[in-house]
């Protein structure tokens, strides 16, 4: 059975703060399908759970660092510098 919906009072996404923020965050990104090893995905999901973040964001950051030629050593060094500066 098909239900009818009344959209006469609907708002545009840009007029709903949460949806507007999501649209802004998604600007400049592309939706893709990718296959990754289960252990890799599990590691990113576990890290995201520990940090309270999103595993897709962590994966995007890792790929971005790779494309910039950053090594794990560079990332650790920069993180330590940031922490020392904040202290």
Protein backbone atom coordinates (compact mmCIF):
# COMPACT_ATOMS: atom_id res chain seq x y z
CA UNK A 1 0.00 0.00 0.00
CA UNK A 2 1.37 3.38 -0.97
CA UNK A 3 1.03 6.16 1.58
CA UNK A 4 0.58 9.76 0.59
CA UNK A 5 2.78 12.37 2.21
CA UNK A 6 2.00 16.04 2.63
CA UNK A 7 5.08 18.14 1.92
CA UNK A 8 3.24 21.47 1.84
CA UNK A 9 4.95 22.59 5.10
CA UNK A 10 8.34 21.06 4.31
CA UNK A 11 11.47 23.15 4.74
CA UNK A 12 14.53 23.20 2.52
CA UNK A 13 17.58 21.47 4.00
CA UNK A 14 19.44 24.78 4.12
CA UNK A 15 16.70 26.15 6.43
CA UNK A 16 17.13 23.35 8.99
CA UNK A 17 20.35 24.00 10.98
CA UNK A 18 21.37 20.35 11.36
CA UNK A 19 20.78 19.56 7.68
CA UNK A 20 22.46 22.77 6.57
CA UNK A 21 25.54 21.83 8.62
CA UNK A 22 25.60 18.36 7.03
CA UNK A 23 25.37 19.84 3.55
CA UNK A 24 28.25 22.19 4.34
CA UNK A 25 30.38 19.33 5.67
CA UNK A 26 29.74 17.29 2.53
CA UNK A 27 30.73 20.07 0.14
CA UNK A 28 33.77 19.11 -1.89
CA UNK A 29 33.39 15.39 -1.23
CA UNK A 30 32.40 12.53 -3.51
CA UNK A 31 30.49 9.41 -2.59
CA UNK A 32 32.38 6.29 -3.69
CA UNK A 33 32.28 2.57 -3.12
CA UNK A 34 35.53 0.97 -2.01
CA UNK A 35 36.54 -2.46 -0.75
CA UNK A 36 38.91 -2.59 2.20
CA UNK A 37 40.16 -5.48 4.30
CA UNK A 38 37.91 -6.30 7.24
CA UNK A 39 40.80 -5.84 9.67
CA UNK A 40 41.52 -2.36 8.30
CA UNK A 41 37.89 -1.33 8.60
CA UNK A 42 37.69 -2.78 12.11
CA UNK A 43 40.78 -0.82 13.14
CA UNK A 44 39.35 2.47 11.88
CA UNK A 45 35.99 1.79 13.52
CA UNK A 46 37.69 0.93 16.83
CA UNK A 47 39.79 4.10 16.67
CA UNK A 48 36.70 6.18 15.90
CA UNK A 49 34.86 4.65 18.84
CA UNK A 50 37.75 5.47 21.18
CA UNK A 51 38.02 9.06 19.99
CA UNK A 52 34.30 9.67 19.58
CA UNK A 53 34.76 10.39 15.89
CA UNK A 54 33.62 8.87 12.64
CA UNK A 55 35.59 6.07 10.98
CA UNK A 56 34.99 7.51 7.51
CA UNK A 57 36.48 10.83 8.60
CA UNK A 58 39.51 9.02 10.02
CA UNK A 59 39.97 7.10 6.77
CA UNK A 60 39.69 10.32 4.78
CA UNK A 61 42.31 11.98 7.00
CA UNK A 62 44.66 9.00 6.59
CA UNK A 63 44.27 9.10 2.81
CA UNK A 64 44.82 12.85 2.79
CA UNK A 65 48.02 12.47 4.81
CA UNK A 66 49.22 9.77 2.43
CA UNK A 67 48.60 11.96 -0.62
CA UNK A 68 50.61 14.72 1.04
CA UNK A 69 53.51 12.32 1.51
CA UNK A 70 53.21 12.30 5.29
CA UNK A 71 54.58 9.30 7.13
CA UNK A 72 53.40 7.97 10.47
CA UNK A 73 56.57 9.48 11.91
CA UNK A 74 55.57 12.92 10.58
CA UNK A 75 52.08 12.64 12.04
CA UNK A 76 53.37 11.51 15.45
CA UNK A 77 55.97 14.29 15.49
CA UNK A 78 53.35 16.94 14.59
CA UNK A 79 50.94 15.60 17.22
CA UNK A 80 53.61 15.73 19.92
CA UNK A 81 54.50 19.30 18.93
CA UNK A 82 50.83 20.33 19.09
CA UNK A 83 50.40 18.72 22.51
CA UNK A 84 53.55 20.32 23.88
CA UNK A 85 52.50 23.71 22.54
CA UNK A 86 49.05 23.36 24.11
CA UNK A 87 50.52 22.48 27.52
